[in-house]
Amino acid sequence: MIRYDNSIVWLRRDLRLHDHAALDNALQASRQVRVLFVFDTDILDALPSRRDRRVEFIHGSVAALKADLEALGATLHVLHGAAPQRVPEFARAAGAQAVFCSRDYEPAAIRRDAAVQEALAGHDIAFHDGKDQVVFERDEVLTQSGRPYTVFTPYKNAWLRKLRSAGLAHHAPGERLERLAQEPPVPLPPLESLGFVRTNLAELGVRPGEAGARALFEDFLARIGQYKAARDYPAVRGPSYLSVHLRFGTLSIRELVATAQAIGGAGAETWLSELIWREFYQQTLWHRPDLAEGRCFKPEFDAIRWPNPAGHFEAWREARTGYPLVDAAMRQLDRSGYMHNRLRMVTASFLAKDLLVDWRLGERHFAEKLIDFDLASNSGGWQWAASVGCDAQPWFRIFNPVTQSEKFDPQGRFIRRYLPELSKVPDKYIHAPWTMPQGVQAECGVTIGRDYPAPVVEHKLQRERALALYKAASAGKARQA
């Protein structure tokens, strides 16, 4: 039903046209719709580097979306500034009666949207936010007692039950696209004018935008049947590599879930489970916004006094730990802005439980480096690895970096890709090169301590120290009870 003559769709992490809830809602309710994106200086100015792959990916995706809109006779208005000022200014100048957007669940985004809504209300402009980036949000999946789930598997089972009963919405505007305001193209600010420089995205083969997402999705569908078996091995093409596209909404989560359902089988079901993990962490952050401030989901572990030994964090960050799988993973992150999911768990566990460094330091490093950084998933994943978050497993689960390496990179293919200094190390020693006899080191041209670091810590000893930290925190909780 038409309610407005003119409306705005404000894009954020939904940079596509296909199956777009806010766009479809605006087109249904309005005679004319314009589309807006704001490069928000409140976000951009806080980034530590002007060479940020995420900003370049967003810029490329915005350019692609602008071209798609212009093919329909419309355009994408792109502004640079603080969203709470620029969105109301644009809406007033356009004579809009309403602004539509997709809901965000991060605390800072909630505050931003509240400020925009208040400013719009001062000019009698309506604000409509709706669900788009998740299938189920906020309070839609709760326990029978009406409380949020704190363990994944019961949440997943409830999520799947709700999906069977509620189904999946689909937003196909069809002829309603004719209601997009027909207007000439407006210029797109160059990346450099935003204060950023180009990175190595093109060299890495990362293609922004909906077309880039679609190409990756089609590639993944050809091998989704092997996903369950292949996803844990970083040297093979096992993952979907869609995480950055999910982060910025160049693909619809509803389409991905519907496709997984339609395909079925072990691979698709395992992948669907990973998509549900993403929603679990979104729900958790919604109910516990203090997690965004670095608080532990299990408050007793806020009492841990992390030793943070001098040099340990730097060795981890700079890929100098002496544990090849950990160092290779950290180099992958630095060079590409991506890290294989299995290795995210291994490196996070190693920082907290081997190096005894506060997990929040690692969380912040990933937040700066990951192109697919998502606050909810990053916080949830780090807290899971550090055993301070939502996890049914006890805190004494500690990954052994050598056995993880032997199991998931058995021939050392991934290690050698990112640590070429170890390329000639025999398979027998590739996972623990410090065990090589001097003669073997000479044969393969690698002297441990010179060409590649000796281990910064001994895993067995550090495991016992980590267990003591967690045991002390748990005992403190027991005393308080």
Protein backbone atom coordinates (compact mmCIF):
# COMPACT_ATOMS: atom_id res chain seq x y z
CA MET A 1 0.00 0.00 0.00
CA ILE A 2 1.37 3.41 -1.01
CA ARG A 3 2.05 5.56 2.06
CA TYR A 4 4.70 7.97 0.82
CA ASP A 5 5.33 10.04 -2.29
CA ASN A 6 9.10 9.96 -1.86
CA SER A 7 11.32 7.65 0.18
CA ILE A 8 15.02 6.92 0.69
CA VAL A 9 16.65 3.52 1.02
CA TRP A 10 19.80 3.94 3.10
CA LEU A 11 22.24 1.12 2.40
CA ARG A 12 24.81 -0.09 4.91
CA ARG A 13 25.77 -3.77 4.99
CA ASP A 14 23.31 -4.75 2.22
CA LEU A 15 25.09 -3.75 -1.00
CA ARG A 16 22.94 -5.56 -3.56
CA LEU A 17 19.62 -5.34 -5.42
CA HIS A 18 18.55 -8.99 -5.35
CA ASP A 19 16.31 -10.14 -2.46
CA HIS A 20 16.74 -6.86 -0.61
CA ALA A 21 14.19 -6.39 2.16
CA ALA A 22 14.54 -2.63 2.77
CA LEU A 23 14.46 -1.83 -0.94
CA ASP A 24 11.39 -3.99 -1.51
CA ASN A 25 9.62 -2.51 1.52
CA ALA A 26 10.33 1.02 0.31
CA LEU A 27 9.15 0.26 -3.21
CA GLN A 28 5.91 -1.21 -1.89
CA ALA A 29 5.22 1.82 0.29
CA SER A 30 6.35 4.65 -1.99
CA ARG A 31 5.63 6.23 -5.35
CA GLN A 32 9.28 7.15 -5.81
CA VAL A 33 12.43 5.78 -4.17
CA ARG A 34 16.02 7.01 -4.14
CA VAL A 35 18.96 4.94 -2.94
CA LEU A 36 21.69 6.33 -0.68
CA PHE A 37 25.03 5.16 0.68
CA VAL A 38 27.16 7.13 3.15
CA PHE A 39 30.87 6.61 3.66
CA ASP A 40 30.52 7.27 7.37
CA THR A 41 33.40 9.27 8.81
CA ASP A 42 32.45 8.17 12.33
CA ILE A 43 33.57 4.69 11.22
CA LEU A 44 36.29 5.52 8.71
CA ASP A 45 38.16 8.02 10.88
CA ALA A 46 38.61 5.41 13.60
CA LEU A 47 40.38 2.92 11.31
CA PRO A 48 44.08 2.60 12.14
CA SER A 49 45.32 2.37 8.54
CA ARG A 50 44.54 4.25 5.35
CA ARG A 51 45.35 1.06 3.43
CA ASP A 52 42.26 -0.92 4.47
CA ARG A 53 41.02 -3.73 2.26
CA ARG A 54 37.51 -3.44 3.68
CA VAL A 55 37.13 0.16 2.55
CA GLU A 56 38.36 -0.72 -0.94
CA PHE A 57 35.95 -3.69 -1.06
CA ILE A 58 33.05 -1.47 0.01
CA HIS A 59 34.03 1.18 -2.53
CA GLY A 60 34.15 -1.42 -5.30
CA SER A 61 30.81 -2.89 -4.24
CA VAL A 62 29.22 0.56 -4.13
CA ALA A 63 30.54 1.27 -7.63
CA ALA A 64 29.09 -2.01 -8.91
CA LEU A 65 25.72 -1.35 -7.29
CA LYS A 66 25.67 2.17 -8.70
CA ALA A 67 26.19 0.73 -12.20
CA ASP A 68 23.35 -1.77 -11.64
CA LEU A 69 21.00 1.04 -10.59
CA GLU A 70 22.01 3.19 -13.54
CA ALA A 71 21.15 0.33 -15.87
CA LEU A 72 17.60 0.75 -14.50
CA GLY A 73 17.63 4.50 -15.15
CA ALA A 74 18.24 5.32 -11.49
CA THR A 75 21.44 6.09 -9.60
CA LEU A 76 23.11 5.61 -6.24
CA HIS A 77 23.70 8.78 -4.25
CA VAL A 78 27.03 8.45 -2.42
CA LEU A 79 27.94 10.84 0.38
CA HIS A 80 30.94 11.23 2.68
CA GLY A 81 30.48 12.39 6.25
CA ALA A 82 28.86 11.51 9.56
CA ALA A 83 25.70 9.50 8.90
CA PRO A 84 23.59 11.16 11.65
CA GLN A 85 24.08 14.46 9.80
CA ARG A 86 24.24 13.42 6.15
CA VAL A 87 21.23 11.08 6.03
CA PRO A 88 18.71 13.62 7.41
CA GLU A 89 20.23 16.36 5.21
CA PHE A 90 19.83 14.24 2.10
CA ALA A 91 16.30 13.13 3.03
CA ARG A 92 15.19 16.74 3.53
CA ALA A 93 16.80 17.90 0.28
CA ALA A 94 15.13 15.06 -1.61
CA GLY A 95 11.72 15.85 -0.13
CA ALA A 96 11.47 12.37 1.36
CA GLN A 97 8.77 11.40 3.82
CA ALA A 98 10.53 8.20 4.95
CA VAL A 99 13.91 6.49 5.21
CA PHE A 100 14.11 2.69 4.98
CA CYS A 101 17.13 0.63 6.01
CA SER A 102 18.19 -2.84 7.13
CA ARG A 103 18.53 -3.34 10.86
CA ASP A 104 21.97 -3.63 12.45
CA TYR A 105 22.64 -5.30 15.79
CA GLU A 106 25.99 -3.86 16.84
CA PRO A 107 25.83 -1.40 19.76
CA ALA A 108 27.51 1.46 17.87
CA ALA A 109 25.21 0.95 14.89
CA ILE A 110 22.17 0.93 17.17
CA ARG A 111 23.28 4.27 18.64
CA ARG A 112 23.89 5.69 15.15
CA ASP A 113 20.46 4.63 13.92
CA ALA A 114 18.80 6.08 17.00
CA ALA A 115 20.52 9.42 16.30
CA VAL A 116 19.41 9.34 12.65
CA GLN A 117 15.85 8.45 13.63
CA GLU A 118 15.71 11.30 16.15
CA ALA A 119 17.01 13.80 13.61
CA LEU A 120 14.52 12.61 10.98
CA ALA A 121 11.64 12.80 13.45
CA GLY A 122 12.47 16.46 13.99
CA HIS A 123 11.54 17.02 10.36
CA ASP A 124 8.52 14.69 10.35
CA ILE A 125 10.37 12.07 8.30
CA ALA A 126 9.58 8.45 9.19
CA PHE A 127 12.30 5.89 9.88
CA HIS A 128 11.72 2.20 9.07
CA ASP A 129 14.35 -0.43 9.82
CA GLY A 130 13.72 -4.10 9.11
CA LYS A 131 15.33 -7.51 9.20
CA ASP A 132 17.64 -8.42 6.32
CA GLN A 133 21.12 -9.62 7.29
CA VAL A 134 19.86 -12.60 9.31
CA VAL A 135 17.03 -15.10 8.98
CA PHE A 136 16.06 -14.82 12.67
CA GLU A 137 16.95 -11.85 14.84
CA ARG A 138 16.91 -10.56 18.40
CA ASP A 139 14.15 -12.43 20.31
CA GLU A 140 12.92 -14.69 17.51
CA VAL A 141 14.73 -17.81 18.75
CA LEU A 142 14.47 -18.24 22.52
CA THR A 143 14.31 -21.09 25.00
CA GLN A 144 10.94 -22.32 26.28
CA SER A 145 11.45 -20.07 29.31
CA GLY A 146 11.86 -17.07 27.02
CA ARG A 147 15.60 -16.63 27.52
CA PRO A 148 18.36 -16.45 24.91
CA TYR A 149 20.30 -19.64 24.19
CA THR A 150 23.84 -19.75 25.54
CA VAL A 151 24.94 -23.00 23.86
CA PHE A 152 25.00 -23.45 20.09
CA THR A 153 23.49 -26.90 19.50
CA PRO A 154 20.17 -26.25 21.30
CA TYR A 155 20.01 -22.89 19.51
CA LYS A 156 20.61 -24.57 16.15
CA ASN A 157 17.88 -27.14 16.77
CA ALA A 158 15.41 -24.40 17.76
CA TRP A 159 16.48 -22.30 14.76
CA LEU A 160 15.82 -25.20 12.37
CA ARG A 161 12.42 -25.88 13.97
CA LYS A 162 11.46 -22.25 13.53
CA LEU A 163 12.63 -22.29 9.93
CA ARG A 164 10.42 -25.28 9.19
CA SER A 165 7.39 -23.51 10.65
CA ALA A 166 8.07 -19.94 9.48
CA GLY A 167 9.72 -20.54 6.12
CA LEU A 168 11.90 -18.03 4.29
CA ALA A 169 10.73 -14.66 3.08
CA HIS A 170 11.82 -13.55 -0.37
CA HIS A 171 11.85 -9.99 -1.66
CA ALA A 172 11.43 -9.74 -5.44
CA PRO A 173 10.21 -6.24 -6.38
CA GLY A 174 9.75 -7.05 -10.06
CA GLU A 175 7.77 -4.27 -11.75
CA ARG A 176 8.01 -2.15 -8.61
CA LEU A 177 11.57 -1.29 -9.67
CA GLU A 178 9.90 1.22 -11.99
CA ARG A 179 9.33 3.30 -8.85
CA LEU A 180 13.05 3.99 -8.55
CA ALA A 181 13.57 7.69 -9.16
CA GLN A 182 14.70 8.15 -12.76
CA GLU A 183 17.58 10.59 -12.64
CA PRO A 184 21.00 11.09 -14.21
CA PRO A 185 24.06 9.46 -12.67
CA VAL A 186 25.78 11.27 -9.83
CA PRO A 187 29.56 11.04 -9.34
CA LEU A 188 31.15 8.45 -7.07
CA PRO A 189 33.83 9.92 -4.80
CA PRO A 190 37.20 8.31 -5.64
CA LEU A 191 38.66 6.08 -2.95
CA GLU A 192 41.52 8.53 -2.52
CA SER A 193 39.12 11.41 -1.83
CA LEU A 194 37.87 9.40 1.16
CA GLY A 195 41.41 9.39 2.55
CA PHE A 196 42.25 5.78 1.60
CA VAL A 197 44.60 4.12 -0.88
CA ARG A 198 44.25 0.97 -2.92
CA THR A 199 45.44 -2.36 -1.52
CA ASN A 200 46.17 -5.71 -3.16
CA LEU A 201 42.53 -6.79 -3.65
CA ALA A 202 42.90 -7.09 -7.42
CA GLU A 203 46.13 -9.09 -7.05
CA LEU A 204 44.34 -11.41 -4.59
CA GLY A 205 41.49 -11.93 -7.07
CA VAL A 206 38.88 -10.49 -4.68
CA ARG A 207 36.00 -9.21 -6.80
CA PRO A 208 33.64 -6.86 -4.97
CA GLY A 209 29.94 -6.44 -5.59
CA GLU A 210 26.99 -8.68 -6.28
CA ALA A 211 28.55 -10.11 -9.45
CA GLY A 212 31.69 -11.05 -7.53
CA ALA A 213 29.58 -12.73 -4.87
CA ARG A 214 27.56 -14.60 -7.46
CA ALA A 215 30.69 -15.95 -9.16
CA LEU A 216 32.08 -17.25 -5.85
CA PHE A 217 28.73 -18.76 -4.92
CA GLU A 218 28.49 -20.66 -8.19
CA ASP A 219 32.04 -21.93 -7.73
CA PHE A 220 31.18 -23.15 -4.24
CA LEU A 221 27.98 -24.89 -5.36
CA ALA A 222 30.07 -27.08 -7.67
CA ARG A 223 31.98 -28.44 -4.63
CA ILE A 224 29.53 -28.05 -1.76
CA GLY A 225 29.15 -31.84 -1.59
CA GLN A 226 32.76 -32.07 -0.35
CA TYR A 227 32.43 -29.19 2.12
CA LYS A 228 32.16 -31.31 5.27
CA ALA A 229 35.30 -33.27 4.44
CA ALA A 230 37.36 -30.43 2.93
CA ARG A 231 36.52 -27.40 5.06
CA ASP A 232 39.16 -28.04 7.77
CA TYR A 233 42.17 -28.34 5.43
CA PRO A 234 43.68 -24.94 4.64
CA ALA A 235 45.74 -26.17 1.69
CA VAL A 236 42.66 -27.21 -0.32
CA ARG A 237 39.76 -25.19 -1.72
CA GLY A 238 37.21 -26.24 0.87
CA PRO A 239 35.47 -23.14 2.28
CA SER A 240 32.91 -21.06 0.42
CA TYR A 241 35.01 -17.87 0.71
CA LEU A 242 31.72 -15.96 0.90
CA SER A 243 32.30 -14.44 4.33
CA VAL A 244 33.20 -10.96 3.07
CA HIS A 245 30.11 -10.97 0.84
CA LEU A 246 27.94 -11.97 3.76
CA ARG A 247 29.53 -9.25 5.86
CA PHE A 248 28.65 -6.52 3.38
CA GLY A 249 25.45 -8.06 2.08
CA THR A 250 26.36 -8.53 -1.55
CA LEU A 251 24.48 -11.83 -1.25
CA SER A 252 21.21 -12.54 0.55
CA ILE A 253 21.43 -14.81 3.58
CA ARG A 254 17.93 -16.05 2.72
CA GLU A 255 19.11 -17.22 -0.68
CA LEU A 256 22.07 -19.06 0.83
CA VAL A 257 19.91 -20.84 3.40
CA ALA A 258 17.29 -21.76 0.79
CA THR A 259 20.01 -23.17 -1.47
CA ALA A 260 21.52 -25.25 1.33
CA GLN A 261 18.06 -26.64 2.11
CA ALA A 262 17.38 -27.48 -1.51
CA ILE A 263 20.70 -29.25 -2.05
CA GLY A 264 20.75 -31.24 1.18
CA GLY A 265 23.35 -33.86 2.03
CA ALA A 266 26.25 -33.75 4.47
CA GLY A 267 28.12 -30.90 2.77
CA ALA A 268 25.18 -28.53 2.53
CA GLU A 269 23.97 -29.37 6.03
CA THR A 270 27.40 -28.66 7.50
CA TRP A 271 27.57 -25.35 5.65
CA LEU A 272 24.09 -24.43 6.86
CA SER A 273 25.28 -25.10 10.39
CA GLU A 274 28.05 -22.54 9.85
CA LEU A 275 25.48 -19.98 8.68
CA ILE A 276 23.50 -20.67 11.86
CA TRP A 277 26.64 -20.09 13.95
CA ARG A 278 26.75 -16.61 12.42
CA GLU A 279 23.19 -15.94 13.57
CA PHE A 280 23.91 -17.40 17.01
CA TYR A 281 26.67 -14.86 17.52
CA GLN A 282 24.47 -12.02 16.23
CA GLN A 283 21.76 -13.01 18.71
CA THR A 284 24.30 -13.25 21.52
CA LEU A 285 25.65 -9.76 20.86
CA TRP A 286 22.12 -8.35 20.73
CA HIS A 287 21.35 -9.72 24.19
CA ARG A 288 24.83 -8.97 25.59
CA PRO A 289 25.98 -5.64 24.11
CA ASP A 290 28.69 -5.50 26.79
CA LEU A 291 30.55 -8.13 24.76
CA ALA A 292 31.42 -5.36 22.32
CA GLU A 293 33.38 -3.74 25.15
CA GLY A 294 35.52 -6.83 25.70
CA ARG A 295 33.58 -8.34 28.60
CA CYS A 296 33.62 -12.14 28.85
CA PHE A 297 30.33 -13.93 28.24
CA LYS A 298 31.19 -16.00 31.32
CA PRO A 299 31.87 -13.20 33.80
CA GLU A 300 34.02 -15.29 36.12
CA PHE A 301 36.76 -15.18 33.49
CA ASP A 302 36.92 -11.39 33.60
CA ALA A 303 38.92 -12.10 36.77
CA ILE A 304 41.79 -13.75 34.86
CA ARG A 305 44.96 -11.71 35.14
CA TRP A 306 46.67 -12.52 31.87
CA PRO A 307 50.47 -12.68 32.23
CA ASN A 308 51.02 -11.05 28.79
CA PRO A 309 54.73 -11.98 28.76
CA ALA A 310 56.92 -9.41 27.06
CA GLY A 311 57.28 -10.05 23.33
CA HIS A 312 54.73 -12.84 23.09
CA PHE A 313 51.98 -10.83 21.42
CA GLU A 314 54.47 -9.29 18.98
CA ALA A 315 55.85 -12.74 18.08
CA TRP A 316 52.30 -13.96 17.37
CA ARG A 317 51.32 -10.86 15.39
CA GLU A 318 54.52 -10.91 13.33
CA ALA A 319 54.49 -14.69 12.63
CA ARG A 320 57.61 -15.39 14.75
CA THR A 321 56.30 -18.00 17.20
CA GLY A 322 58.34 -20.90 15.82
CA TYR A 323 55.19 -22.97 15.33
CA PRO A 324 54.80 -23.24 11.54
CA LEU A 325 51.03 -23.62 11.27
CA VAL A 326 50.46 -20.61 13.53
CA ASP A 327 53.03 -18.48 11.69
CA ALA A 328 51.73 -19.48 8.25
CA ALA A 329 48.21 -18.54 9.29
CA MET A 330 49.33 -15.15 10.57
CA ARG A 331 51.14 -14.47 7.31
CA GLN A 332 48.01 -15.43 5.38
CA LEU A 333 46.08 -12.87 7.41
CA ASP A 334 48.64 -10.14 6.88
CA ARG A 335 48.98 -10.71 3.14
CA SER A 336 45.35 -11.30 2.24
CA GLY A 337 43.07 -10.05 5.03
CA TYR A 338 41.69 -13.58 5.21
CA MET A 339 42.37 -16.54 7.46
CA HIS A 340 41.02 -20.06 7.12
CA ASN A 341 38.42 -20.77 9.81
CA ARG A 342 40.26 -23.76 11.31
CA LEU A 343 43.33 -21.58 11.63
CA ARG A 344 41.37 -18.79 13.30
CA MET A 345 40.64 -21.27 16.07
CA VAL A 346 44.22 -22.55 16.22
CA THR A 347 45.87 -19.12 16.29
CA ALA A 348 43.39 -17.75 18.83
CA SER A 349 43.83 -20.71 21.14
CA PHE A 350 47.61 -20.42 20.79
CA LEU A 351 47.64 -16.73 21.74
CA ALA A 352 45.51 -17.20 24.85
CA LYS A 353 46.48 -20.66 26.06
CA ASP A 354 50.07 -21.07 24.88
CA LEU A 355 51.34 -17.51 24.94
CA LEU A 356 49.11 -16.52 27.91
CA VAL A 357 48.21 -13.24 26.23
CA ASP A 358 44.85 -11.57 26.82
CA TRP A 359 42.54 -12.76 24.04
CA ARG A 360 41.22 -9.20 23.58
CA LEU A 361 44.54 -8.18 22.01
CA GLY A 362 44.10 -10.87 19.39
CA GLU A 363 40.46 -9.95 18.88
CA ARG A 364 41.46 -6.35 18.16
CA HIS A 365 44.21 -7.45 15.77
CA PHE A 366 41.76 -9.57 13.79
CA ALA A 367 39.33 -6.63 13.79
CA GLU A 368 41.99 -4.50 12.11
CA LYS A 369 43.15 -7.09 9.59
CA LEU A 370 40.19 -9.26 8.53
CA ILE A 371 38.42 -8.14 5.38
CA ASP A 372 35.36 -10.08 6.55
CA PHE A 373 35.51 -8.64 10.08
CA ASP A 374 32.15 -8.87 11.81
CA LEU A 375 31.95 -7.75 15.42
CA ALA A 376 29.57 -10.49 16.56
CA SER A 377 31.41 -13.36 14.86
CA ASN A 378 34.87 -12.07 15.79
CA SER A 379 33.95 -11.61 19.44
CA GLY A 380 32.12 -14.93 19.55
CA GLY A 381 34.93 -16.83 17.87
CA TRP A 382 37.64 -15.39 20.09
CA GLN A 383 35.65 -16.01 23.25
CA TRP A 384 34.99 -19.59 22.10
CA ALA A 385 38.70 -20.19 21.45
CA ALA A 386 39.67 -18.61 24.77
CA SER A 387 36.95 -20.62 26.59
CA VAL A 388 35.37 -17.51 28.09
CA GLY A 389 32.30 -17.42 25.84
CA CYS A 390 29.33 -19.48 24.67
CA ASP A 391 30.61 -23.03 24.72
CA ALA A 392 29.41 -26.27 26.20
CA GLN A 393 33.00 -27.57 26.33
CA PRO A 394 35.07 -26.98 29.49
CA TRP A 395 37.92 -24.52 29.63
CA PHE A 396 40.57 -27.24 29.61
CA ARG A 397 40.17 -27.78 25.85
CA ILE A 398 43.51 -26.53 24.52
CA PHE A 399 44.58 -27.03 20.90
CA ASN A 400 48.03 -28.56 20.42
CA PRO A 401 49.50 -26.56 17.51
CA VAL A 402 51.67 -29.45 16.35
CA THR A 403 48.96 -32.11 16.29
CA GLN A 404 46.58 -29.62 14.63
CA SER A 405 49.24 -29.09 11.98
CA GLU A 406 49.81 -32.82 11.49
CA LYS A 407 46.09 -33.47 11.17
CA PHE A 408 44.95 -30.60 8.95
CA ASP A 409 48.08 -29.85 6.88
CA PRO A 410 49.66 -33.30 6.82
CA GLN A 411 52.07 -32.67 3.92
CA GLY A 412 52.78 -29.12 5.03
CA ARG A 413 51.44 -27.65 1.77
CA PHE A 414 49.84 -24.66 3.47
CA ILE A 415 52.88 -24.10 5.68
CA ARG A 416 55.26 -24.08 2.70
CA ARG A 417 52.99 -21.70 0.76
CA TYR A 418 53.33 -19.00 3.42
CA LEU A 419 56.67 -19.95 4.96
CA PRO A 420 58.92 -20.48 1.91
CA GLU A 421 61.95 -20.53 4.21
CA LEU A 422 60.72 -23.98 5.25
CA SER A 423 60.06 -25.20 1.71
CA LYS A 424 62.87 -27.78 1.78
CA VAL A 425 62.15 -29.12 5.27
CA PRO A 426 61.18 -32.81 5.07
CA ASP A 427 57.56 -33.72 5.83
CA LYS A 428 58.77 -35.53 8.94
CA TYR A 429 59.87 -32.24 10.52
CA ILE A 430 57.68 -29.62 8.85
CA HIS A 431 55.24 -29.41 11.79
CA ALA A 432 57.98 -29.10 14.45
CA PRO A 433 61.15 -28.01 12.65
CA TRP A 434 63.05 -27.45 15.91
CA THR A 435 63.23 -31.23 16.21
CA MET A 436 65.42 -31.48 13.10
CA PRO A 437 68.93 -32.78 13.75
CA GLN A 438 71.70 -30.34 12.86
CA GLY A 439 72.63 -32.40 9.82
CA VAL A 440 69.10 -32.23 8.41
CA GLN A 441 69.00 -28.48 9.07
CA ALA A 442 72.17 -28.11 7.05
CA GLU A 443 70.80 -30.27 4.21
CA CYS A 444 67.63 -28.23 3.82
CA GLY A 445 69.28 -24.86 4.41
CA VAL A 446 67.34 -23.95 7.52
CA THR A 447 69.09 -23.20 10.79
CA ILE A 448 66.54 -22.97 13.60
CA GLY A 449 67.03 -19.74 15.48
CA ARG A 450 68.52 -18.03 12.45
CA ASP A 451 66.44 -18.79 9.33
CA TYR A 452 63.31 -19.66 11.24
CA PRO A 453 62.61 -18.97 14.93
CA ALA A 454 62.93 -21.52 17.68
CA PRO A 455 59.62 -22.01 19.53
CA VAL A 456 58.84 -19.02 21.70
CA VAL A 457 57.26 -21.34 24.27
CA GLU A 458 56.97 -25.05 25.05
CA HIS A 459 53.38 -26.16 24.51
CA LYS A 460 53.26 -28.78 27.25
CA LEU A 461 54.54 -26.36 29.91
CA GLN A 462 52.29 -23.51 28.77
CA ARG A 463 49.27 -25.79 28.80
CA GLU A 464 49.76 -26.39 32.51
CA ARG A 465 50.13 -22.69 33.18
CA ALA A 466 46.95 -21.93 31.23
CA LEU A 467 45.02 -24.58 33.13
CA ALA A 468 46.13 -22.98 36.39
CA LEU A 469 44.83 -19.57 35.25
CA TYR A 470 41.41 -20.94 34.35
CA LYS A 471 41.24 -23.12 37.43
CA ALA A 472 41.88 -20.13 39.66
CA ALA A 473 39.14 -18.13 37.96
CA SER A 474 36.70 -21.01 38.23
CA ALA A 475 37.56 -21.48 41.89
CA GLY A 476 36.84 -17.81 42.49
CA LYS A 477 33.38 -18.24 41.02
CA ALA A 478 32.79 -21.29 43.23
CA ARG A 479 33.78 -19.29 46.34
CA GLN A 480 31.39 -16.47 45.40
CA ALA A 481 28.58 -19.00 44.96
